[in-house]
């Protein structure tokens, strides 16, 4: 067992875990953050995508010994506190809902994280750039068109591009609280 200290959705977090235990299992089992999905367990599908120090990674492939001192952002960290204490969806979450880009929900958390990383990195509304950004995320339901359209709409709106990034430090959701829409 090792002690791992890291930022999780903007909140300082400490866990005791075997060094080679996958980040995915710590998130889902130890911290009860079930928005990050487990599917292939081999890094092929993207359902477990999270943002680690600004880059999209497959949480099923990241051992906890590589998380110490780093910043992890999960789908639960996308929504942020609103003025009345009600969580406000990230612009990408809202755009996917509005565009009808969500069906079964298995891939959506990973796609949301890949889209958020694309936008936070200054990604454009260009269809090819968006498809490349989410290329590591498999979706069997939607055919990707509505997903790409939703991400493009957010990329084209400067407010949507920065809204989640500005709230990132406040967007942490402690374990045990209900997840924001689009995370379970």
Foldseek 3Di string as FASTA:
>chain_A
DDWAWEAELQRTDIDDDPQQQFQLCCVCPVFVQPLQDDDPLPLQAQSRWKAKQLRTGRSSRDGRNVRHHIYIYFLLSQWFQDPVRDTHHQQLVVLCVVLVVDDPLSQQRRLVRLLLSCLQVLHALDLVSSCVSCVSHDDDPRPCPSSSVSSSVLRVDVCSSCVRVVRSNRRDDGGPDDGDPSRD
